[in-house]
PDB file of N, CA and C in Angstrom:
ATOM      1  N   MET A   1      28.560  62.656 153.923  1.00  0.00           N
ATOM      2  CA  MET A   1      29.286  62.809 152.742  1.00  0.00           C
ATOM      3  C   MET A   1      30.777  63.158 152.804  1.00  0.00           C
ATOM      4  N   ALA A   2      30.794  64.208 153.554  1.00  0.00           N
ATOM      5  CA  ALA A   2      32.066  64.700 154.135  1.00  0.00           C
ATOM      6  C   ALA A   2      33.042  63.765 154.813  1.00  0.00           C
ATOM      7  N   GLU A   3      32.379  62.731 155.618  1.00  0.00           N
ATOM      8  CA  GLU A   3      33.078  61.973 156.283  1.00  0.00           C
ATOM      9  C   GLU A   3      33.565  60.688 155.416  1.00  0.00           C
ATOM     10  N   TYR A   4      32.808  60.577 154.091  1.00  0.00           N
ATOM     11  CA  TYR A   4      33.227  59.276 153.363  1.00  0.00           C
ATOM     12  C   TYR A   4      34.312  59.937 152.352  1.00  0.00           C
ATOM     13  N   ASN A   5      34.380  61.359 152.046  1.00  0.00           N
ATOM     14  CA  ASN A   5      35.390  61.773 151.368  1.00  0.00           C
ATOM     15  C   ASN A   5      36.720  61.816 152.249  1.00  0.00           C
ATOM     16  N   LYS A   6      36.517  62.032 153.843  1.00  0.00           N
ATOM     17  CA  LYS A   6      37.654  61.554 154.419  1.00  0.00           C
ATOM     18  C   LYS A   6      38.205  60.130 154.643  1.00  0.00           C
ATOM     19  N   GLU A   7      37.317  59.371 154.616  1.00  0.00           N
ATOM     20  CA  GLU A   7      37.728  57.733 154.811  1.00  0.00           C
ATOM     21  C   GLU A   7      38.519  57.697 153.128  1.00  0.00           C
ATOM     22  N   LYS A   8      37.753  58.115 152.281  1.00  0.00           N
ATOM     23  CA  LYS A   8      38.720  57.812 150.756  1.00  0.00           C
ATOM     24  C   LYS A   8      39.918  58.421 150.920  1.00  0.00           C
ATOM     25  N   ARG A   9      40.242  59.787 151.288  1.00  0.00           N
ATOM     26  CA  ARG A   9      41.433  60.201 151.521  1.00  0.00           C
ATOM     27  C   ARG A   9      42.396  59.644 152.266  1.00  0.00           C
ATOM     28  N   GLN A  10      41.922  59.009 153.287  1.00  0.00           N
ATOM     29  CA  GLN A  10      42.848  58.468 154.355  1.00  0.00           C
ATOM     30  C   GLN A  10      42.977  56.944 153.593  1.00  0.00           C
ATOM     31  N   ALA A  11      42.200  56.193 152.882  1.00  0.00           N
ATOM     32  CA  ALA A  11      42.626  55.235 152.564  1.00  0.00           C
ATOM     33  C   ALA A  11      43.573  55.145 151.053  1.00  0.00           C
ATOM     34  N   TYR A  12      43.251  56.187 150.627  1.00  0.00           N
ATOM     35  CA  TYR A  12      44.220  56.413 149.151  1.00  0.00           C
ATOM     36  C   TYR A  12      45.760  56.834 149.862  1.00  0.00           C
ATOM     37  N   TRP A  13      45.887  57.866 150.900  1.00  0.00           N
ATOM     38  CA  TRP A  13      47.278  57.904 151.560  1.00  0.00           C
ATOM     39  C   TRP A  13      47.544  56.843 152.072  1.00  0.00           C
ATOM     40  N   ARG A  14      46.950  56.240 152.755  1.00  0.00           N
ATOM     41  CA  ARG A  14      47.446  54.770 153.351  1.00  0.00           C
ATOM     42  C   ARG A  14      48.142  53.803 152.137  1.00  0.00           C
ATOM     43  N   GLU A  15      47.346  53.518 151.407  1.00  0.00           N
ATOM     44  CA  GLU A  15      48.100  52.829 149.963  1.00  0.00           C
ATOM     45  C   GLU A  15      49.252  53.573 149.354  1.00  0.00           C
ATOM     46  N   ASN A  16      49.138  54.762 149.376  1.00  0.00           N
ATOM     47  CA  ASN A  16      50.102  55.714 148.655  1.00  0.00           C
ATOM     48  C   ASN A  16      51.597  55.473 149.847  1.00  0.00           C
ATOM     49  N   VAL A  17      51.498  55.811 150.626  1.00  0.00           N
ATOM     50  CA  VAL A  17      52.508  55.306 151.884  1.00  0.00           C
ATOM     51  C   VAL A  17      53.072  53.705 151.933  1.00  0.00           C
ATOM     52  N   ARG A  18      52.047  53.015 151.847  1.00  0.00           N
ATOM     53  CA  ARG A  18      52.444  51.604 151.720  1.00  0.00           C
ATOM     54  C   ARG A  18      53.225  51.089 150.361  1.00  0.00           C
ATOM     55  N   LEU A  19      52.832  52.161 149.354  1.00  0.00           N
ATOM     56  CA  LEU A  19      53.978  51.864 147.935  1.00  0.00           C
ATOM     57  C   LEU A  19      54.981  52.338 148.129  1.00  0.00           C
ATOM     58  N   MET A  20      55.356  53.607 148.910  1.00  0.00           N
ATOM     59  CA  MET A  20      56.400  54.171 148.692  1.00  0.00           C
ATOM     60  C   MET A  20      57.272  53.646 149.547  1.00  0.00           C
ATOM     61  N   VAL A  21      56.875  52.915 150.727  1.00  0.00           N
ATOM     62  CA  VAL A  21      57.414  52.145 151.849  1.00  0.00           C
ATOM     63  C   VAL A  21      58.294  50.701 151.093  1.00  0.00           C
ATOM     64  N   ILE A  22      57.359  50.338 150.321  1.00  0.00           N
ATOM     65  CA  ILE A  22      57.761  48.784 149.528  1.00  0.00           C
ATOM     66  C   ILE A  22      59.057  49.238 148.549  1.00  0.00           C
ATOM     67  N   LEU A  23      58.697  50.358 147.780  1.00  0.00           N
ATOM     68  CA  LEU A  23      59.726  50.837 146.881  1.00  0.00           C
ATOM     69  C   LEU A  23      61.053  51.409 147.385  1.00  0.00           C
ATOM     70  N   LEU A  24      60.859  52.072 148.621  1.00  0.00           N
ATOM     71  CA  LEU A  24      62.180  52.480 149.158  1.00  0.00           C
ATOM     72  C   LEU A  24      62.813  51.350 149.990  1.00  0.00           C
ATOM     73  N   SER A  25      62.047  50.415 150.462  1.00  0.00           N
ATOM     74  CA  SER A  25      62.989  49.083 150.818  1.00  0.00           C
ATOM     75  C   SER A  25      63.683  48.710 149.600  1.00  0.00           C
ATOM     76  N   ILE A  26      63.160  48.443 148.478  1.00  0.00           N
ATOM     77  CA  ILE A  26      63.799  47.777 147.633  1.00  0.00           C
ATOM     78  C   ILE A  26      64.983  48.739 146.943  1.00  0.00           C
ATOM     79  N   TRP A  27      64.603  49.936 146.869  1.00  0.00           N
ATOM     80  CA  TRP A  27      65.905  50.809 146.646  1.00  0.00           C
ATOM     81  C   TRP A  27      66.959  50.572 147.526  1.00  0.00           C
ATOM     82  N   PHE A  28      66.426  50.304 149.296  1.00  0.00           N
ATOM     83  CA  PHE A  28      67.794  50.247 150.311  1.00  0.00           C
ATOM     84  C   PHE A  28      68.340  48.822 149.663  1.00  0.00           C
ATOM     85  N   VAL A  29      67.804  47.948 149.756  1.00  0.00           N
ATOM     86  CA  VAL A  29      68.173  46.690 149.256  1.00  0.00           C
ATOM     87  C   VAL A  29      69.361  46.640 148.052  1.00  0.00           C
ATOM     88  N   ILE A  30      68.824  47.374 146.830  1.00  0.00           N
ATOM     89  CA  ILE A  30      69.629  47.200 145.953  1.00  0.00           C
ATOM     90  C   ILE A  30      70.935  48.201 145.988  1.00  0.00           C
ATOM     91  N   SER A  31      70.703  49.667 146.422  1.00  0.00           N
ATOM     92  CA  SER A  31      71.625  50.208 146.701  1.00  0.00           C
ATOM     93  C   SER A  31      72.821  50.000 147.975  1.00  0.00           C
ATOM     94  N   TYR A  32      72.159  49.927 149.096  1.00  0.00           N
ATOM     95  CA  TYR A  32      72.909  49.858 150.124  1.00  0.00           C
ATOM     96  C   TYR A  32      73.427  48.395 150.390  1.00  0.00           C
ATOM     97  N   LEU A  33      72.325  47.518 150.481  1.00  0.00           N
ATOM     98  CA  LEU A  33      72.896  45.972 150.975  1.00  0.00           C
ATOM     99  C   LEU A  33      73.503  45.319 149.675  1.00  0.00           C
ATOM    100  N   CYS A  34      73.189  45.344 148.512  1.00  0.00           N
ATOM    101  CA  CYS A  34      73.988  44.939 147.391  1.00  0.00           C
ATOM    102  C   CYS A  34      74.852  45.746 147.124  1.00  0.00           C
ATOM    103  N   GLY A  35      75.277  47.057 147.219  1.00  0.00           N
ATOM    104  CA  GLY A  35      76.354  47.701 146.754  1.00  0.00           C
ATOM    105  C   GLY A  35      77.475  47.989 147.754  1.00  0.00           C
ATOM    106  N   ILE A  36      76.789  47.482 149.003  1.00  0.00           N
ATOM    107  CA  ILE A  36      78.179  48.116 150.059  1.00  0.00           C
ATOM    108  C   ILE A  36      78.188  46.489 151.149  1.00  0.00           C
ATOM    109  N   VAL A  37      76.725  46.249 151.579  1.00  0.00           N
ATOM    110  CA  VAL A  37      77.103  45.399 152.459  1.00  0.00           C
ATOM    111  C   VAL A  37      77.338  43.849 152.038  1.00  0.00           C
ATOM    112  N   PHE A  38      76.948  43.376 151.068  1.00  0.00           N
ATOM    113  CA  PHE A  38      77.308  42.236 150.633  1.00  0.00           C
ATOM    114  C   PHE A  38      78.187  41.968 149.425  1.00  0.00           C
ATOM    115  N   VAL A  39      78.678  43.301 149.075  1.00  0.00           N
ATOM    116  CA  VAL A  39      79.262  43.381 148.175  1.00  0.00           C
ATOM    117  C   VAL A  39      80.693  42.349 147.820  1.00  0.00           C
ATOM    118  N   GLU A  40      81.205  41.905 148.746  1.00  0.00           N
ATOM    119  CA  GLU A  40      82.220  40.384 148.853  1.00  0.00           C
ATOM    120  C   GLU A  40      81.357  39.254 148.399  1.00  0.00           C
ATOM    121  N   GLU A  41      80.252  38.963 148.890  1.00  0.00           N
ATOM    122  CA  GLU A  41      79.768  37.780 148.529  1.00  0.00           C
ATOM    123  C   GLU A  41      79.239  37.882 146.943  1.00  0.00           C
ATOM    124  N   LEU A  42      78.662  39.054 146.604  1.00  0.00           N
ATOM    125  CA  LEU A  42      78.294  39.467 145.118  1.00  0.00           C
ATOM    126  C   LEU A  42      79.287  39.129 144.514  1.00  0.00           C
ATOM    127  N   ASN A  43      80.809  39.638 144.475  1.00  0.00           N
ATOM    128  CA  ASN A  43      81.822  39.567 143.988  1.00  0.00           C
ATOM    129  C   ASN A  43      82.327  38.254 143.471  1.00  0.00           C
ATOM    130  N   THR A  44      81.849  37.338 143.932  1.00  0.00           N
ATOM    131  CA  THR A  44      82.005  35.897 143.412  1.00  0.00           C
ATOM    132  C   THR A  44      81.303  35.480 142.244  1.00  0.00           C
ATOM    133  N   ILE A  45      80.164  36.292 141.991  1.00  0.00           N
ATOM    134  CA  ILE A  45      79.396  36.213 140.499  1.00  0.00           C
ATOM    135  C   ILE A  45      79.709  37.502 139.638  1.00  0.00           C
ATOM    136  N   ARG A  46      80.284  36.649 138.329  1.00  0.00           N
ATOM    137  CA  ARG A  46      80.376  37.769 137.357  1.00  0.00           C
ATOM    138  C   ARG A  46      78.969  38.234 136.534  1.00  0.00           C
ATOM    139  N   LEU A  47      78.891  39.554 136.047  1.00  0.00           N
ATOM    140  CA  LEU A  47      78.181  40.055 135.104  1.00  0.00           C
ATOM    141  C   LEU A  47      78.770  40.825 134.065  1.00  0.00           C
ATOM    142  N   GLY A  48      78.839  40.197 133.059  1.00  0.00           N
ATOM    143  CA  GLY A  48      79.070  41.226 131.835  1.00  0.00           C
ATOM    144  C   GLY A  48      80.869  41.062 131.874  1.00  0.00           C
ATOM    145  N   GLY A  49      81.496  40.236 132.561  1.00  0.00           N
ATOM    146  CA  GLY A  49      82.881  40.320 132.585  1.00  0.00           C
ATOM    147  C   GLY A  49      83.270  40.990 134.088  1.00  0.00           C
ATOM    148  N   TYR A  50      82.443  41.777 134.808  1.00  0.00           N
ATOM    149  CA  TYR A  50      82.326  42.605 136.182  1.00  0.00           C
ATOM    150  C   TYR A  50      81.954  41.609 137.295  1.00  0.00           C
ATOM    151  N   LYS A  51      82.623  41.893 138.086  1.00  0.00           N
ATOM    152  CA  LYS A  51      82.030  41.494 139.525  1.00  0.00           C
ATOM    153  C   LYS A  51      80.620  41.847 139.980  1.00  0.00           C
ATOM    154  N   LEU A  52      80.015  41.242 140.181  1.00  0.00           N
ATOM    155  CA  LEU A  52      78.558  41.629 140.617  1.00  0.00           C
ATOM    156  C   LEU A  52      78.669  42.727 141.624  1.00  0.00           C
ATOM    157  N   GLY A  53      79.161  42.590 142.660  1.00  0.00           N
ATOM    158  CA  GLY A  53      79.420  43.546 143.410  1.00  0.00           C
ATOM    159  C   GLY A  53      79.512  44.998 142.971  1.00  0.00           C
ATOM    160  N   PHE A  54      80.663  44.934 142.224  1.00  0.00           N
ATOM    161  CA  PHE A  54      81.127  46.125 141.622  1.00  0.00           C
ATOM    162  C   PHE A  54      79.921  46.722 140.767  1.00  0.00           C
ATOM    163  N   TRP A  55      79.198  46.032 139.967  1.00  0.00           N
ATOM    164  CA  TRP A  55      78.374  46.350 139.073  1.00  0.00           C
ATOM    165  C   TRP A  55      76.983  47.042 139.970  1.00  0.00           C
ATOM    166  N   PHE A  56      76.874  46.630 141.062  1.00  0.00           N
ATOM    167  CA  PHE A  56      75.455  46.981 141.870  1.00  0.00           C
ATOM    168  C   PHE A  56      76.133  48.365 142.452  1.00  0.00           C
ATOM    169  N   ALA A  57      77.344  48.621 142.552  1.00  0.00           N
ATOM    170  CA  ALA A  57      77.772  49.767 143.387  1.00  0.00           C
ATOM    171  C   ALA A  57      77.764  50.519 142.157  1.00  0.00           C
ATOM    172  N   GLN A  58      78.405  50.573 140.958  1.00  0.00           N
ATOM    173  CA  GLN A  58      78.502  51.520 140.069  1.00  0.00           C
ATOM    174  C   GLN A  58      77.215  51.593 139.071  1.00  0.00           C
ATOM    175  N   GLN A  59      76.515  50.550 138.474  1.00  0.00           N
ATOM    176  CA  GLN A  59      75.315  50.832 137.890  1.00  0.00           C
ATOM    177  C   GLN A  59      74.032  50.414 138.489  1.00  0.00           C
ATOM    178  N   GLY A  60      73.909  49.480 139.107  1.00  0.00           N
ATOM    179  CA  GLY A  60      72.851  48.439 139.404  1.00  0.00           C
ATOM    180  C   GLY A  60      72.030  49.590 140.409  1.00  0.00           C
ATOM    181  N   SER A  61      72.672  50.413 141.072  1.00  0.00           N
ATOM    182  CA  SER A  61      71.692  50.941 142.024  1.00  0.00           C
ATOM    183  C   SER A  61      71.261  52.223 141.502  1.00  0.00           C
ATOM    184  N   MET A  62      71.751  52.628 140.076  1.00  0.00           N
ATOM    185  CA  MET A  62      71.179  53.735 139.327  1.00  0.00           C
ATOM    186  C   MET A  62      69.699  53.025 138.763  1.00  0.00           C
ATOM    187  N   TYR A  63      70.431  52.001 137.889  1.00  0.00           N
ATOM    188  CA  TYR A  63      69.322  51.343 137.234  1.00  0.00           C
ATOM    189  C   TYR A  63      68.014  51.076 137.700  1.00  0.00           C
ATOM    190  N   GLY A  64      68.446  50.432 139.169  1.00  0.00           N
ATOM    191  CA  GLY A  64      67.200  50.381 140.062  1.00  0.00           C
ATOM    192  C   GLY A  64      66.575  51.509 140.426  1.00  0.00           C
ATOM    193  N   PHE A  65      67.085  52.663 140.718  1.00  0.00           N
ATOM    194  CA  PHE A  65      66.253  53.957 140.934  1.00  0.00           C
ATOM    195  C   PHE A  65      65.591  54.085 140.193  1.00  0.00           C
ATOM    196  N   VAL A  66      66.020  54.115 138.653  1.00  0.00           N
ATOM    197  CA  VAL A  66      64.924  54.736 137.547  1.00  0.00           C
ATOM    198  C   VAL A  66      64.236  53.679 137.387  1.00  0.00           C
ATOM    199  N   ALA A  67      64.207  52.665 137.486  1.00  0.00           N
ATOM    200  CA  ALA A  67      63.063  51.612 137.265  1.00  0.00           C
ATOM    201  C   ALA A  67      62.243  51.405 138.468  1.00  0.00           C
ATOM    202  N   ILE A  68      62.487  52.037 139.489  1.00  0.00           N
ATOM    203  CA  ILE A  68      61.736  52.389 140.946  1.00  0.00           C
ATOM    204  C   ILE A  68      60.726  53.591 140.608  1.00  0.00           C
ATOM    205  N   VAL A  69      61.489  54.655 139.837  1.00  0.00           N
ATOM    206  CA  VAL A  69      60.800  55.902 139.259  1.00  0.00           C
ATOM    207  C   VAL A  69      59.710  55.457 138.432  1.00  0.00           C
ATOM    208  N   PHE A  70      59.768  54.955 137.616  1.00  0.00           N
ATOM    209  CA  PHE A  70      58.598  54.399 136.204  1.00  0.00           C
ATOM    210  C   PHE A  70      57.552  53.418 137.051  1.00  0.00           C
ATOM    211  N   THR A  71      58.133  52.573 138.099  1.00  0.00           N
ATOM    212  CA  THR A  71      57.187  51.845 138.534  1.00  0.00           C
ATOM    213  C   THR A  71      56.300  52.454 139.695  1.00  0.00           C
ATOM    214  N   TYR A  72      56.746  53.314 140.384  1.00  0.00           N
ATOM    215  CA  TYR A  72      55.857  54.221 141.188  1.00  0.00           C
ATOM    216  C   TYR A  72      55.364  54.967 140.395  1.00  0.00           C
ATOM    217  N   ALA A  73      55.524  55.897 139.195  1.00  0.00           N
ATOM    218  CA  ALA A  73      54.331  56.506 138.434  1.00  0.00           C
ATOM    219  C   ALA A  73      53.608  55.627 137.737  1.00  0.00           C
ATOM    220  N   HIS A  74      54.092  54.519 137.238  1.00  0.00           N
ATOM    221  CA  HIS A  74      52.728  53.438 136.956  1.00  0.00           C
ATOM    222  C   HIS A  74      51.884  53.161 137.930  1.00  0.00           C
ATOM    223  N   LEU A  75      52.097  52.780 138.849  1.00  0.00           N
ATOM    224  CA  LEU A  75      51.369  52.196 140.066  1.00  0.00           C
ATOM    225  C   LEU A  75      50.300  53.444 140.575  1.00  0.00           C
ATOM    226  N   MET A  76      51.035  54.547 140.890  1.00  0.00           N
ATOM    227  CA  MET A  76      50.263  55.911 141.247  1.00  0.00           C
ATOM    228  C   MET A  76      49.074  56.097 140.277  1.00  0.00           C
ATOM    229  N   ALA A  77      49.452  56.009 138.939  1.00  0.00           N
ATOM    230  CA  ALA A  77      48.414  56.232 137.897  1.00  0.00           C
ATOM    231  C   ALA A  77      47.316  55.530 138.040  1.00  0.00           C
ATOM    232  N   LYS A  78      47.459  54.164 138.386  1.00  0.00           N
ATOM    233  CA  LYS A  78      46.451  53.265 138.912  1.00  0.00           C
ATOM    234  C   LYS A  78      45.665  53.312 139.762  1.00  0.00           C
ATOM    235  N   LEU A  79      46.519  53.610 140.970  1.00  0.00           N
ATOM    236  CA  LEU A  79      45.883  54.064 142.310  1.00  0.00           C
ATOM    237  C   LEU A  79      44.994  55.373 142.023  1.00  0.00           C
ATOM    238  N   ASP A  80      45.529  56.530 141.231  1.00  0.00           N
ATOM    239  CA  ASP A  80      44.591  57.547 141.076  1.00  0.00           C
ATOM    240  C   ASP A  80      43.330  57.298 140.639  1.00  0.00           C
ATOM    241  N   ARG A  81      43.496  56.293 139.235  1.00  0.00           N
ATOM    242  CA  ARG A  81      42.036  55.936 138.487  1.00  0.00           C
ATOM    243  C   ARG A  81      41.127  55.075 139.440  1.00  0.00           C
ATOM    244  N   LYS A  82      42.049  54.419 140.562  1.00  0.00           N
ATOM    245  CA  LYS A  82      40.921  53.721 141.328  1.00  0.00           C
ATOM    246  C   LYS A  82      40.313  54.432 142.310  1.00  0.00           C
ATOM    247  N   TYR A  83      40.744  55.727 142.787  1.00  0.00           N
ATOM    248  CA  TYR A  83      40.158  56.662 143.697  1.00  0.00           C
ATOM    249  C   TYR A  83      39.536  57.760 142.693  1.00  0.00           C
ATOM    250  N   ASP A  84      39.739  57.481 141.654  1.00  0.00           N
ATOM    251  CA  ASP A  84      38.891  58.793 140.572  1.00  0.00           C
ATOM    252  C   ASP A  84      39.519  59.948 140.885  1.00  0.00           C
ATOM    253  N   LEU A  85      40.912  60.064 140.979  1.00  0.00           N
ATOM    254  CA  LEU A  85      41.485  61.253 141.038  1.00  0.00           C
ATOM    255  C   LEU A  85      42.495  61.317 140.150  1.00  0.00           C
ATOM    256  N   HIS A  86      42.583  60.904 138.925  1.00  0.00           N
ATOM    257  CA  HIS A  86      43.149  61.104 137.710  1.00  0.00           C
ATOM    258  C   HIS A  86      42.817  62.394 137.052  1.00  0.00           C
ATOM    259  N   GLU A  87      43.583  62.660 135.962  1.00  0.00           N
ATOM    260  CA  GLU A  87      43.347  64.182 135.231  1.00  0.00           C
ATOM    261  C   GLU A  87      42.445  63.518 134.023  1.00  0.00           C
TER     262      GLU A  87
END
């Protein structure tokens, strides 16, 4: 029985780390690549009268981070239910 719990914990942690890597990669793309590296290319597109590169650098990375936090909370709640670890 103890071995099963260890396997279950390892599977839970593996899925949690996988989720964090995916979400942090998305955050990196939004904040660093769109806000800094590809800013010149994105500035050719306008969003609400502002250049898209400027928007990502000033607002997009913050909105993206908030969306990622809520997404992580939602997906972790599902993961907790899957492994019967919910409150």
